[in-house]
Structures are given as structure tokens and as C-alpha cells.
């Protein structure tokens, strides 16, 4: 259920042409409670 794993995997899917799989993971994240995640630049952003 970890959104950071789903989001990173969705990004990989998007970059490798697996758009349907990426879309499904992004949709799955949106169906869960939003959480704040730290981006690589140190800023915080909602998983949603």
C-alpha cells in the first residue's frame, strides 16, 4: 500500500511505454488517503 512505491513504479511504467499500467497505479494512489511525500529536492508534495 506504500504510495511512494506505486508512484515510482508508475513513473517507470510511463517511461517504458506501459501507459495502461502507469495509469492504473496513479488511479490506485488517488483512491487511497493522500500522504505528504518528500521529493528529491526536499520539498513536500501530496501523493494525490
ModelCIF file with pLDDT and N, C-alpha, C, O atoms, coordinates in Angstrom:
data_MODEL
#
_entry.id   MODEL 
#
_entity.id                         1 
_entity.type                       polymer 
_entity.pdbx_number_of_molecules   1 
#
_entity_poly.entity_id                      1 
_entity_poly.type                           'polypeptide(L)' 
_entity_poly.nstd_linkage                   no 
_entity_poly.nstd_monomer                   no 
_entity_poly.pdbx_seq_one_letter_code       
;(UNK)(UNK)(UNK)(UNK)(UNK)(UNK)(UNK)(UNK)(UNK)(UNK)(UNK)(UNK)(UNK)(UNK)(UNK)(UNK)
(UNK)(UNK)(UNK)(UNK)(UNK)(UNK)(UNK)(UNK)(UNK)(UNK)(UNK)(UNK)(UNK)(UNK)(UNK)(UNK)
(UNK)(UNK)(UNK)(UNK)(UNK)(UNK)(UNK)(UNK)(UNK)(UNK)(UNK)(UNK)(UNK)(UNK)(UNK)(UNK)
;
_entity_poly.pdbx_seq_one_letter_code_can   XXXXXXXXXXXXXXXXXXXXXXXXXXXXXXXXXXXXXXXXXXXXXXXX 
_entity_poly.pdbx_strand_id                 A 
#
loop_
_entity_poly_seq.entity_id 
_entity_poly_seq.num 
_entity_poly_seq.mon_id 
_entity_poly_seq.hetero 
1 1  UNK n 
1 2  UNK n 
1 3  UNK n 
1 4  UNK n 
1 5  UNK n 
1 6  UNK n 
1 7  UNK n 
1 8  UNK n 
1 9  UNK n 
1 10 UNK n 
1 11 UNK n 
1 12 UNK n 
1 13 UNK n 
1 14 UNK n 
1 15 UNK n 
1 16 UNK n 
1 17 UNK n 
1 18 UNK n 
1 19 UNK n 
1 20 UNK n 
1 21 UNK n 
1 22 UNK n 
1 23 UNK n 
1 24 UNK n 
1 25 UNK n 
1 26 UNK n 
1 27 UNK n 
1 28 UNK n 
1 29 UNK n 
1 30 UNK n 
1 31 UNK n 
1 32 UNK n 
1 33 UNK n 
1 34 UNK n 
1 35 UNK n 
1 36 UNK n 
1 37 UNK n 
1 38 UNK n 
1 39 UNK n 
1 40 UNK n 
1 41 UNK n 
1 42 UNK n 
1 43 UNK n 
1 44 UNK n 
1 45 UNK n 
1 46 UNK n 
1 47 UNK n 
1 48 UNK n 
#
_struct_asym.id          A 
_struct_asym.entity_id   1 
#
loop_
_ma_qa_metric.id 
_ma_qa_metric.mode 
_ma_qa_metric.name 
_ma_qa_metric.software_group_id 
_ma_qa_metric.type 
1 global pLDDT . pLDDT 
2 local  pLDDT . pLDDT 
#
_ma_qa_metric_global.metric_id      1 
_ma_qa_metric_global.metric_value   92.75 
_ma_qa_metric_global.model_id       1 
_ma_qa_metric_global.ordinal_id     1 
#
loop_
_ma_qa_metric_local.label_asym_id 
_ma_qa_metric_local.label_comp_id 
_ma_qa_metric_local.label_seq_id 
_ma_qa_metric_local.metric_id 
_ma_qa_metric_local.metric_value 
_ma_qa_metric_local.model_id 
_ma_qa_metric_local.ordinal_id 
A UNK 1  2 90.00 1 1  
A UNK 2  2 93.00 1 2  
A UNK 3  2 94.00 1 3  
A UNK 4  2 92.00 1 4  
A UNK 5  2 94.00 1 5  
A UNK 6  2 95.00 1 6  
A UNK 7  2 95.00 1 7  
A UNK 8  2 93.00 1 8  
A UNK 9  2 95.00 1 9  
A UNK 10 2 96.00 1 10 
A UNK 11 2 93.00 1 11 
A UNK 12 2 95.00 1 12 
A UNK 13 2 96.00 1 13 
A UNK 14 2 94.00 1 14 
A UNK 15 2 93.00 1 15 
A UNK 16 2 95.00 1 16 
A UNK 17 2 95.00 1 17 
A UNK 18 2 97.00 1 18 
A UNK 19 2 96.00 1 19 
A UNK 20 2 97.00 1 20 
A UNK 21 2 97.00 1 21 
A UNK 22 2 97.00 1 22 
A UNK 23 2 97.00 1 23 
A UNK 24 2 97.00 1 24 
A UNK 25 2 96.00 1 25 
A UNK 26 2 97.00 1 26 
A UNK 27 2 97.00 1 27 
A UNK 28 2 97.00 1 28 
A UNK 29 2 97.00 1 29 
A UNK 30 2 97.00 1 30 
A UNK 31 2 97.00 1 31 
A UNK 32 2 95.00 1 32 
A UNK 33 2 95.00 1 33 
A UNK 34 2 93.00 1 34 
A UNK 35 2 92.00 1 35 
A UNK 36 2 91.00 1 36 
A UNK 37 2 89.00 1 37 
A UNK 38 2 83.00 1 38 
A UNK 39 2 81.00 1 39 
A UNK 40 2 76.00 1 40 
A UNK 41 2 77.00 1 41 
A UNK 42 2 79.00 1 42 
A UNK 43 2 84.00 1 43 
A UNK 44 2 88.00 1 44 
A UNK 45 2 91.00 1 45 
A UNK 46 2 94.00 1 46 
A UNK 47 2 94.00 1 47 
A UNK 48 2 96.00 1 48 
#
loop_
_atom_site.group_PDB 
_atom_site.id 
_atom_site.type_symbol 
_atom_site.label_atom_id 
_atom_site.label_alt_id 
_atom_site.label_comp_id 
_atom_site.label_asym_id 
_atom_site.label_entity_id 
_atom_site.label_seq_id 
_atom_site.pdbx_PDB_ins_code 
_atom_site.Cartn_x 
_atom_site.Cartn_y 
_atom_site.Cartn_z 
_atom_site.occupancy 
_atom_site.B_iso_or_equiv 
_atom_site.pdbx_formal_charge 
_atom_site.auth_seq_id 
_atom_site.auth_comp_id 
_atom_site.auth_asym_id 
_atom_site.auth_atom_id 
_atom_site.pdbx_PDB_model_num 
ATOM 1   N N  . UNK A 1 1  ? 0.795  -1.221 0.000   1.00 90.00 ? 1  UNK A N  1 
ATOM 2   C CA . UNK A 1 1  ? 0.000  0.000  0.000   1.00 90.00 ? 1  UNK A CA 1 
ATOM 3   C C  . UNK A 1 1  ? 0.833  1.279  0.000   1.00 90.00 ? 1  UNK A C  1 
ATOM 4   O O  . UNK A 1 1  ? 0.257  2.364  0.082   1.00 90.00 ? 1  UNK A O  1 
ATOM 5   N N  . UNK A 1 2  ? 2.157  1.203  -0.088  1.00 93.00 ? 2  UNK A N  1 
ATOM 6   C CA . UNK A 1 2  ? 3.015  2.384  0.017   1.00 93.00 ? 2  UNK A CA 1 
ATOM 7   C C  . UNK A 1 2  ? 2.926  3.236  -1.243  1.00 93.00 ? 2  UNK A C  1 
ATOM 8   O O  . UNK A 1 2  ? 3.312  2.785  -2.322  1.00 93.00 ? 2  UNK A O  1 
ATOM 9   N N  . UNK A 1 3  ? 2.420  4.469  -1.121  1.00 94.00 ? 3  UNK A N  1 
ATOM 10  C CA . UNK A 1 3  ? 2.237  5.296  -2.314  1.00 94.00 ? 3  UNK A CA 1 
ATOM 11  C C  . UNK A 1 3  ? 3.553  5.648  -3.007  1.00 94.00 ? 3  UNK A C  1 
ATOM 12  O O  . UNK A 1 3  ? 3.581  5.777  -4.231  1.00 94.00 ? 3  UNK A O  1 
ATOM 13  N N  . UNK A 1 4  ? 4.637  5.806  -2.256  1.00 92.00 ? 4  UNK A N  1 
ATOM 14  C CA . UNK A 1 4  ? 5.909  6.149  -2.897  1.00 92.00 ? 4  UNK A CA 1 
ATOM 15  C C  . UNK A 1 4  ? 6.386  5.033  -3.812  1.00 92.00 ? 4  UNK A C  1 
ATOM 16  O O  . UNK A 1 4  ? 7.033  5.294  -4.826  1.00 92.00 ? 4  UNK A O  1 
ATOM 17  N N  . UNK A 1 5  ? 6.073  3.797  -3.462  1.00 94.00 ? 5  UNK A N  1 
ATOM 18  C CA . UNK A 1 5  ? 6.442  2.675  -4.325  1.00 94.00 ? 5  UNK A CA 1 
ATOM 19  C C  . UNK A 1 5  ? 5.551  2.643  -5.566  1.00 94.00 ? 5  UNK A C  1 
ATOM 20  O O  . UNK A 1 5  ? 6.028  2.423  -6.679  1.00 94.00 ? 5  UNK A O  1 
ATOM 21  N N  . UNK A 1 6  ? 4.254  2.866  -5.362  1.00 95.00 ? 6  UNK A N  1 
ATOM 22  C CA . UNK A 1 6  ? 3.329  2.875  -6.500  1.00 95.00 ? 6  UNK A CA 1 
ATOM 23  C C  . UNK A 1 6  ? 3.666  4.006  -7.462  1.00 95.00 ? 6  UNK A C  1 
ATOM 24  O O  . UNK A 1 6  ? 3.629  3.819  -8.678  1.00 95.00 ? 6  UNK A O  1 
ATOM 25  N N  . UNK A 1 7  ? 3.993  5.179  -6.925  1.00 95.00 ? 7  UNK A N  1 
ATOM 26  C CA . UNK A 1 7  ? 4.293  6.326  -7.777  1.00 95.00 ? 7  UNK A CA 1 
ATOM 27  C C  . UNK A 1 7  ? 5.590  6.136  -8.545  1.00 95.00 ? 7  UNK A C  1 
ATOM 28  O O  . UNK A 1 7  ? 5.664  6.453  -9.732  1.00 95.00 ? 7  UNK A O  1 
ATOM 29  N N  . UNK A 1 8  ? 6.602  5.624  -7.880  1.00 93.00 ? 8  UNK A N  1 
ATOM 30  C CA . UNK A 1 8  ? 7.865  5.391  -8.585  1.00 93.00 ? 8  UNK A CA 1 
ATOM 31  C C  . UNK A 1 8  ? 7.701  4.320  -9.658  1.00 93.00 ? 8  UNK A C  1 
ATOM 32  O O  . UNK A 1 8  ? 8.249  4.444  -10.754 1.00 93.00 ? 8  UNK A O  1 
ATOM 33  N N  . UNK A 1 9  ? 6.955  3.280  -9.344  1.00 95.00 ? 9  UNK A N  1 
ATOM 34  C CA . UNK A 1 9  ? 6.720  2.236  -10.341 1.00 95.00 ? 9  UNK A CA 1 
ATOM 35  C C  . UNK A 1 9  ? 5.896  2.780  -11.507 1.00 95.00 ? 9  UNK A C  1 
ATOM 36  O O  . UNK A 1 9  ? 6.153  2.441  -12.662 1.00 95.00 ? 9  UNK A O  1 
ATOM 37  N N  . UNK A 1 10 ? 4.917  3.614  -11.209 1.00 96.00 ? 10 UNK A N  1 
ATOM 38  C CA . UNK A 1 10 ? 4.127  4.231  -12.279 1.00 96.00 ? 10 UNK A CA 1 
ATOM 39  C C  . UNK A 1 10 ? 5.026  5.068  -13.186 1.00 96.00 ? 10 UNK A C  1 
ATOM 40  O O  . UNK A 1 10 ? 4.863  5.058  -14.406 1.00 96.00 ? 10 UNK A O  1 
ATOM 41  N N  . UNK A 1 11 ? 5.968  5.788  -12.594 1.00 93.00 ? 11 UNK A N  1 
ATOM 42  C CA . UNK A 1 11 ? 6.896  6.597  -13.398 1.00 93.00 ? 11 UNK A CA 1 
ATOM 43  C C  . UNK A 1 11 ? 7.743  5.710  -14.306 1.00 93.00 ? 11 UNK A C  1 
ATOM 44  O O  . UNK A 1 11 ? 7.992  6.050  -15.462 1.00 93.00 ? 11 UNK A O  1 
ATOM 45  N N  . UNK A 1 12 ? 8.180  4.582  -13.779 1.00 95.00 ? 12 UNK A N  1 
ATOM 46  C CA . UNK A 1 12 ? 8.966  3.637  -14.590 1.00 95.00 ? 12 UNK A CA 1 
ATOM 47  C C  . UNK A 1 12 ? 8.103  3.097  -15.736 1.00 95.00 ? 12 UNK A C  1 
ATOM 48  O O  . UNK A 1 12 ? 8.541  3.035  -16.885 1.00 95.00 ? 12 UNK A O  1 
ATOM 49  N N  . UNK A 1 13 ? 6.876  2.712  -15.400 1.00 96.00 ? 13 UNK A N  1 
ATOM 50  C CA . UNK A 1 13 ? 5.978  2.215  -16.445 1.00 96.00 ? 13 UNK A CA 1 
ATOM 51  C C  . UNK A 1 13 ? 5.761  3.269  -17.528 1.00 96.00 ? 13 UNK A C  1 
ATOM 52  O O  . UNK A 1 13 ? 5.787  2.953  -18.718 1.00 96.00 ? 13 UNK A O  1 
ATOM 53  N N  . UNK A 1 14 ? 5.548  4.511  -17.124 1.00 94.00 ? 14 UNK A N  1 
ATOM 54  C CA . UNK A 1 14 ? 5.329  5.577  -18.096 1.00 94.00 ? 14 UNK A CA 1 
ATOM 55  C C  . UNK A 1 14 ? 6.551  5.756  -18.986 1.00 94.00 ? 14 UNK A C  1 
ATOM 56  O O  . UNK A 1 14 ? 6.417  5.945  -20.195 1.00 94.00 ? 14 UNK A O  1 
ATOM 57  N N  . UNK A 1 15 ? 7.715  5.699  -18.408 1.00 93.00 ? 15 UNK A N  1 
ATOM 58  C CA . UNK A 1 15 ? 8.954  5.900  -19.171 1.00 93.00 ? 15 UNK A CA 1 
ATOM 59  C C  . UNK A 1 15 ? 9.271  4.735  -20.095 1.00 93.00 ? 15 UNK A C  1 
ATOM 60  O O  . UNK A 1 15 ? 10.029 4.882  -21.054 1.00 93.00 ? 15 UNK A O  1 
ATOM 61  N N  . UNK A 1 16 ? 8.690  3.582  -19.808 1.00 95.00 ? 16 UNK A N  1 
ATOM 62  C CA . UNK A 1 16 ? 8.980  2.401  -20.621 1.00 95.00 ? 16 UNK A CA 1 
ATOM 63  C C  . UNK A 1 16 ? 7.786  2.002  -21.494 1.00 95.00 ? 16 UNK A C  1 
ATOM 64  O O  . UNK A 1 16 ? 7.705  0.872  -21.977 1.00 95.00 ? 16 UNK A O  1 
ATOM 65  N N  . UNK A 1 17 ? 6.862  2.949  -21.686 1.00 95.00 ? 17 UNK A N  1 
ATOM 66  C CA . UNK A 1 17 ? 5.766  2.727  -22.618 1.00 95.00 ? 17 UNK A CA 1 
ATOM 67  C C  . UNK A 1 17 ? 4.617  1.883  -22.114 1.00 95.00 ? 17 UNK A C  1 
ATOM 68  O O  . UNK A 1 17 ? 3.765  1.479  -22.905 1.00 95.00 ? 17 UNK A O  1 
ATOM 69  N N  . UNK A 1 18 ? 4.566  1.606  -20.840 1.00 97.00 ? 18 UNK A N  1 
ATOM 70  C CA . UNK A 1 18 ? 3.466  0.809  -20.278 1.00 97.00 ? 18 UNK A CA 1 
ATOM 71  C C  . UNK A 1 18 ? 2.437  1.757  -19.656 1.00 97.00 ? 18 UNK A C  1 
ATOM 72  O O  . UNK A 1 18 ? 2.265  1.819  -18.438 1.00 97.00 ? 18 UNK A O  1 
ATOM 73  N N  . UNK A 1 19 ? 1.770  2.483  -20.536 1.00 96.00 ? 19 UNK A N  1 
ATOM 74  C CA . UNK A 1 19 ? 0.882  3.558  -20.126 1.00 96.00 ? 19 UNK A CA 1 
ATOM 75  C C  . UNK A 1 19 ? -0.306 3.040  -19.320 1.00 96.00 ? 19 UNK A C  1 
ATOM 76  O O  . UNK A 1 19 ? -0.670 3.651  -18.315 1.00 96.00 ? 19 UNK A O  1 
ATOM 77  N N  . UNK A 1 20 ? -0.910 1.952  -19.724 1.00 97.00 ? 20 UNK A N  1 
ATOM 78  C CA . UNK A 1 20 ? -2.073 1.421  -19.003 1.00 97.00 ? 20 UNK A CA 1 
ATOM 79  C C  . UNK A 1 20 ? -1.698 1.029  -17.577 1.00 97.00 ? 20 UNK A C  1 
ATOM 80  O O  . UNK A 1 20 ? -2.461 1.276  -16.643 1.00 97.00 ? 20 UNK A O  1 
ATOM 81  N N  . UNK A 1 21 ? -0.531 0.421  -17.407 1.00 97.00 ? 21 UNK A N  1 
ATOM 82  C CA . UNK A 1 21 ? -0.077 0.028  -16.077 1.00 97.00 ? 21 UNK A CA 1 
ATOM 83  C C  . UNK A 1 21 ? 0.219  1.256  -15.222 1.00 97.00 ? 21 UNK A C  1 
ATOM 84  O O  . UNK A 1 21 ? -0.101 1.284  -14.034 1.00 97.00 ? 21 UNK A O  1 
ATOM 85  N N  . UNK A 1 22 ? 0.833  2.270  -15.832 1.00 97.00 ? 22 UNK A N  1 
ATOM 86  C CA . UNK A 1 22 ? 1.111  3.519  -15.111 1.00 97.00 ? 22 UNK A CA 1 
ATOM 87  C C  . UNK A 1 22 ? -0.201 4.169  -14.675 1.00 97.00 ? 22 UNK A C  1 
ATOM 88  O O  . UNK A 1 22 ? -0.351 4.579  -13.523 1.00 97.00 ? 22 UNK A O  1 
ATOM 89  N N  . UNK A 1 23 ? -1.141 4.257  -15.602 1.00 97.00 ? 23 UNK A N  1 
ATOM 90  C CA . UNK A 1 23 ? -2.438 4.864  -15.306 1.00 97.00 ? 23 UNK A CA 1 
ATOM 91  C C  . UNK A 1 23 ? -3.131 4.143  -14.141 1.00 97.00 ? 23 UNK A C  1 
ATOM 92  O O  . UNK A 1 23 ? -3.708 4.790  -13.268 1.00 97.00 ? 23 UNK A O  1 
ATOM 93  N N  . UNK A 1 24 ? -3.074 2.821  -14.128 1.00 97.00 ? 24 UNK A N  1 
ATOM 94  C CA . UNK A 1 24 ? -3.719 2.048  -13.064 1.00 97.00 ? 24 UNK A CA 1 
ATOM 95  C C  . UNK A 1 24 ? -3.084 2.335  -11.703 1.00 97.00 ? 24 UNK A C  1 
ATOM 96  O O  . UNK A 1 24 ? -3.791 2.448  -10.702 1.00 97.00 ? 24 UNK A O  1 
ATOM 97  N N  . UNK A 1 25 ? -1.763 2.454  -11.660 1.00 96.00 ? 25 UNK A N  1 
ATOM 98  C CA . UNK A 1 25 ? -1.101 2.755  -10.392 1.00 96.00 ? 25 UNK A CA 1 
ATOM 99  C C  . UNK A 1 25 ? -1.425 4.167  -9.911  1.00 96.00 ? 25 UNK A C  1 
ATOM 100 O O  . UNK A 1 25 ? -1.679 4.374  -8.725  1.00 96.00 ? 25 UNK A O  1 
ATOM 101 N N  . UNK A 1 26 ? -1.416 5.133  -10.819 1.00 97.00 ? 26 UNK A N  1 
ATOM 102 C CA . UNK A 1 26 ? -1.778 6.502  -10.427 1.00 97.00 ? 26 UNK A CA 1 
ATOM 103 C C  . UNK A 1 26 ? -3.209 6.527  -9.886  1.00 97.00 ? 26 UNK A C  1 
ATOM 104 O O  . UNK A 1 26 ? -3.476 7.178  -8.876  1.00 97.00 ? 26 UNK A O  1 
ATOM 105 N N  . UNK A 1 27 ? -4.125 5.828  -10.548 1.00 97.00 ? 27 UNK A N  1 
ATOM 106 C CA . UNK A 1 27 ? -5.515 5.771  -10.089 1.00 97.00 ? 27 UNK A CA 1 
ATOM 107 C C  . UNK A 1 27 ? -5.614 5.112  -8.720  1.00 97.00 ? 27 UNK A C  1 
ATOM 108 O O  . UNK A 1 27 ? -6.406 5.538  -7.879  1.00 97.00 ? 27 UNK A O  1 
ATOM 109 N N  . UNK A 1 28 ? -4.818 4.081  -8.496  1.00 97.00 ? 28 UNK A N  1 
ATOM 110 C CA . UNK A 1 28 ? -4.801 3.394  -7.200  1.00 97.00 ? 28 UNK A CA 1 
ATOM 111 C C  . UNK A 1 28 ? -4.358 4.351  -6.092  1.00 97.00 ? 28 UNK A C  1 
ATOM 112 O O  . UNK A 1 28 ? -4.943 4.355  -5.009  1.00 97.00 ? 28 UNK A O  1 
ATOM 113 N N  . UNK A 1 29 ? -3.341 5.151  -6.351  1.00 97.00 ? 29 UNK A N  1 
ATOM 114 C CA . UNK A 1 29 ? -2.877 6.134  -5.363  1.00 97.00 ? 29 UNK A CA 1 
ATOM 115 C C  . UNK A 1 29 ? -4.001 7.114  -5.045  1.00 97.00 ? 29 UNK A C  1 
ATOM 116 O O  . UNK A 1 29 ? -4.193 7.474  -3.884  1.00 97.00 ? 29 UNK A O  1 
ATOM 117 N N  . UNK A 1 30 ? -4.738 7.545  -6.048  1.00 97.00 ? 30 UNK A N  1 
ATOM 118 C CA . UNK A 1 30 ? -5.812 8.515  -5.847  1.00 97.00 ? 30 UNK A CA 1 
ATOM 119 C C  . UNK A 1 30 ? -6.982 7.953  -5.054  1.00 97.00 ? 30 UNK A C  1 
ATOM 120 O O  . UNK A 1 30 ? -7.736 8.712  -4.446  1.00 97.00 ? 30 UNK A O  1 
ATOM 121 N N  . UNK A 1 31 ? -7.142 6.643  -5.052  1.00 97.00 ? 31 UNK A N  1 
ATOM 122 C CA . UNK A 1 31 ? -8.228 6.028  -4.304  1.00 97.00 ? 31 UNK A CA 1 
ATOM 123 C C  . UNK A 1 31 ? -7.890 5.842  -2.823  1.00 97.00 ? 31 UNK A C  1 
ATOM 124 O O  . UNK A 1 31 ? -8.766 5.502  -2.027  1.00 97.00 ? 31 UNK A O  1 
ATOM 125 N N  . UNK A 1 32 ? -6.657 6.058  -2.457  1.00 95.00 ? 32 UNK A N  1 
ATOM 126 C CA . UNK A 1 32 ? -6.215 5.920  -1.065  1.00 95.00 ? 32 UNK A CA 1 
ATOM 127 C C  . UNK A 1 32 ? -6.123 7.305  -0.430  1.00 95.00 ? 32 UNK A C  1 
ATOM 128 O O  . UNK A 1 32 ? -6.190 8.325  -1.116  1.00 95.00 ? 32 UNK A O  1 
ATOM 129 N N  . UNK A 1 33 ? -5.971 7.320  0.874   1.00 95.00 ? 33 UNK A N  1 
ATOM 130 C CA . UNK A 1 33 ? -5.763 8.595  1.556   1.00 95.00 ? 33 UNK A CA 1 
ATOM 131 C C  . UNK A 1 33 ? -4.481 9.229  1.051   1.00 95.00 ? 33 UNK A C  1 
ATOM 132 O O  . UNK A 1 33 ? -3.480 8.544  0.844   1.00 95.00 ? 33 UNK A O  1 
ATOM 133 N N  . UNK A 1 34 ? -4.514 10.538 0.855   1.00 93.00 ? 34 UNK A N  1 
ATOM 134 C CA . UNK A 1 34 ? -3.328 11.261 0.432   1.00 93.00 ? 34 UNK A CA 1 
ATOM 135 C C  . UNK A 1 34 ? -2.321 11.363 1.570   1.00 93.00 ? 34 UNK A C  1 
ATOM 136 O O  . UNK A 1 34 ? -2.698 11.505 2.734   1.00 93.00 ? 34 UNK A O  1 
ATOM 137 N N  . UNK A 1 35 ? -1.065 11.292 1.233   1.00 92.00 ? 35 UNK A N  1 
ATOM 138 C CA . UNK A 1 35 ? 0.001  11.460 2.219   1.00 92.00 ? 35 UNK A CA 1 
ATOM 139 C C  . UNK A 1 35 ? 1.030  12.424 1.635   1.00 92.00 ? 35 UNK A C  1 
ATOM 140 O O  . UNK A 1 35 ? 1.183  12.526 0.418   1.00 92.00 ? 35 UNK A O  1 
ATOM 141 N N  . UNK A 1 36 ? 1.730  13.130 2.521   1.00 91.00 ? 36 UNK A N  1 
ATOM 142 C CA . UNK A 1 36 ? 2.801  14.018 2.070   1.00 91.00 ? 36 UNK A CA 1 
ATOM 143 C C  . UNK A 1 36 ? 4.050  13.195 1.826   1.00 91.00 ? 36 UNK A C  1 
ATOM 144 O O  . UNK A 1 36 ? 4.435  12.363 2.647   1.00 91.00 ? 36 UNK A O  1 
ATOM 145 N N  . UNK A 1 37 ? 4.671  13.436 0.696   1.00 89.00 ? 37 UNK A N  1 
ATOM 146 C CA . UNK A 1 37 ? 5.900  12.749 0.319   1.00 89.00 ? 37 UNK A CA 1 
ATOM 147 C C  . UNK A 1 37 ? 6.976  13.791 0.061   1.00 89.00 ? 37 UNK A C  1 
ATOM 148 O O  . UNK A 1 37 ? 6.690  14.892 -0.411  1.00 89.00 ? 37 UNK A O  1 
ATOM 149 N N  . UNK A 1 38 ? 8.201  13.438 0.370   1.00 83.00 ? 38 UNK A N  1 
ATOM 150 C CA . UNK A 1 38 ? 9.322  14.343 0.144   1.00 83.00 ? 38 UNK A CA 1 
ATOM 151 C C  . UNK A 1 38 ? 9.933  14.071 -1.223  1.00 83.00 ? 38 UNK A C  1 
ATOM 152 O O  . UNK A 1 38 ? 10.302 12.940 -1.540  1.00 83.00 ? 38 UNK A O  1 
ATOM 153 N N  . UNK A 1 39 ? 10.031 15.111 -2.015  1.00 81.00 ? 39 UNK A N  1 
ATOM 154 C CA . UNK A 1 39 ? 10.641 14.982 -3.328  1.00 81.00 ? 39 UNK A CA 1 
ATOM 155 C C  . UNK A 1 39 ? 12.153 15.042 -3.202  1.00 81.00 ? 39 UNK A C  1 
ATOM 156 O O  . UNK A 1 39 ? 12.683 15.435 -2.162  1.00 81.00 ? 39 UNK A O  1 
ATOM 157 N N  . UNK A 1 40 ? 12.834 14.658 -4.246  1.00 76.00 ? 40 UNK A N  1 
ATOM 158 C CA . UNK A 1 40 ? 14.289 14.651 -4.246  1.00 76.00 ? 40 UNK A CA 1 
ATOM 159 C C  . UNK A 1 40 ? 14.894 16.011 -3.966  1.00 76.00 ? 40 UNK A C  1 
ATOM 160 O O  . UNK A 1 40 ? 16.024 16.101 -3.488  1.00 76.00 ? 40 UNK A O  1 
ATOM 161 N N  . UNK A 1 41 ? 14.144 17.087 -4.262  1.00 77.00 ? 41 UNK A N  1 
ATOM 162 C CA . UNK A 1 41 ? 14.655 18.434 -3.999  1.00 77.00 ? 41 UNK A CA 1 
ATOM 163 C C  . UNK A 1 41 ? 14.363 18.906 -2.580  1.00 77.00 ? 41 UNK A C  1 
ATOM 164 O O  . UNK A 1 41 ? 14.675 20.041 -2.222  1.00 77.00 ? 41 UNK A O  1 
ATOM 165 N N  . UNK A 1 42 ? 13.758 18.025 -1.766  1.00 79.00 ? 42 UNK A N  1 
ATOM 166 C CA . UNK A 1 42 ? 13.475 18.345 -0.369  1.00 79.00 ? 42 UNK A CA 1 
ATOM 167 C C  . UNK A 1 42 ? 12.098 18.931 -0.112  1.00 79.00 ? 42 UNK A C  1 
ATOM 168 O O  . UNK A 1 42 ? 11.709 19.088 1.045   1.00 79.00 ? 42 UNK A O  1 
ATOM 169 N N  . UNK A 1 43 ? 11.354 19.258 -1.151  1.00 84.00 ? 43 UNK A N  1 
ATOM 170 C CA . UNK A 1 43 ? 10.011 19.803 -0.957  1.00 84.00 ? 43 UNK A CA 1 
ATOM 171 C C  . UNK A 1 43 ? 9.014  18.676 -0.681  1.00 84.00 ? 43 UNK A C  1 
ATOM 172 O O  . UNK A 1 43 ? 9.230  17.527 -1.068  1.00 84.00 ? 43 UNK A O  1 
ATOM 173 N N  . UNK A 1 44 ? 7.932  19.027 -0.012  1.00 88.00 ? 44 UNK A N  1 
ATOM 174 C CA . UNK A 1 44 ? 6.869  18.071 0.288   1.00 88.00 ? 44 UNK A CA 1 
ATOM 175 C C  . UNK A 1 44 ? 5.705  18.272 -0.667  1.00 88.00 ? 44 UNK A C  1 
ATOM 176 O O  . UNK A 1 44 ? 5.316  19.403 -0.957  1.00 88.00 ? 44 UNK A O  1 
ATOM 177 N N  . UNK A 1 45 ? 5.148  17.162 -1.156  1.00 91.00 ? 45 UNK A N  1 
ATOM 178 C CA . UNK A 1 45 ? 4.018  17.209 -2.078  1.00 91.00 ? 45 UNK A CA 1 
ATOM 179 C C  . UNK A 1 45 ? 3.081  16.056 -1.732  1.00 91.00 ? 45 UNK A C  1 
ATOM 180 O O  . UNK A 1 45 ? 3.522  14.981 -1.326  1.00 91.00 ? 45 UNK A O  1 
ATOM 181 N N  . UNK A 1 46 ? 1.806  16.291 -1.896  1.00 94.00 ? 46 UNK A N  1 
ATOM 182 C CA . UNK A 1 46 ? 0.799  15.261 -1.653  1.00 94.00 ? 46 UNK A CA 1 
ATOM 183 C C  . UNK A 1 46 ? 0.920  14.134 -2.679  1.00 94.00 ? 46 UNK A C  1 
ATOM 184 O O  . UNK A 1 46 ? 1.178  14.378 -3.857  1.00 94.00 ? 46 UNK A O  1 
ATOM 185 N N  . UNK A 1 47 ? 0.734  12.920 -2.222  1.00 94.00 ? 47 UNK A N  1 
ATOM 186 C CA . UNK A 1 47 ? 0.740  11.772 -3.142  1.00 94.00 ? 47 UNK A CA 1 
ATOM 187 C C  . UNK A 1 47 ? -0.341 11.943 -4.200  1.00 94.00 ? 47 UNK A C  1 
ATOM 188 O O  . UNK A 1 47 ? -0.166 11.511 -5.339  1.00 94.00 ? 47 UNK A O  1 
ATOM 189 N N  . UNK A 1 48 ? -1.457 12.570 -3.835  1.00 96.00 ? 48 UNK A N  1 
ATOM 190 C CA . UNK A 1 48 ? -2.536 12.792 -4.803  1.00 96.00 ? 48 UNK A CA 1 
ATOM 191 C C  . UNK A 1 48 ? -2.106 13.770 -5.896  1.00 96.00 ? 48 UNK A C  1 
ATOM 192 O O  . UNK A 1 48 ? -2.889 14.073 -6.796  1.00 96.00 ? 48 UNK A O  1 
#
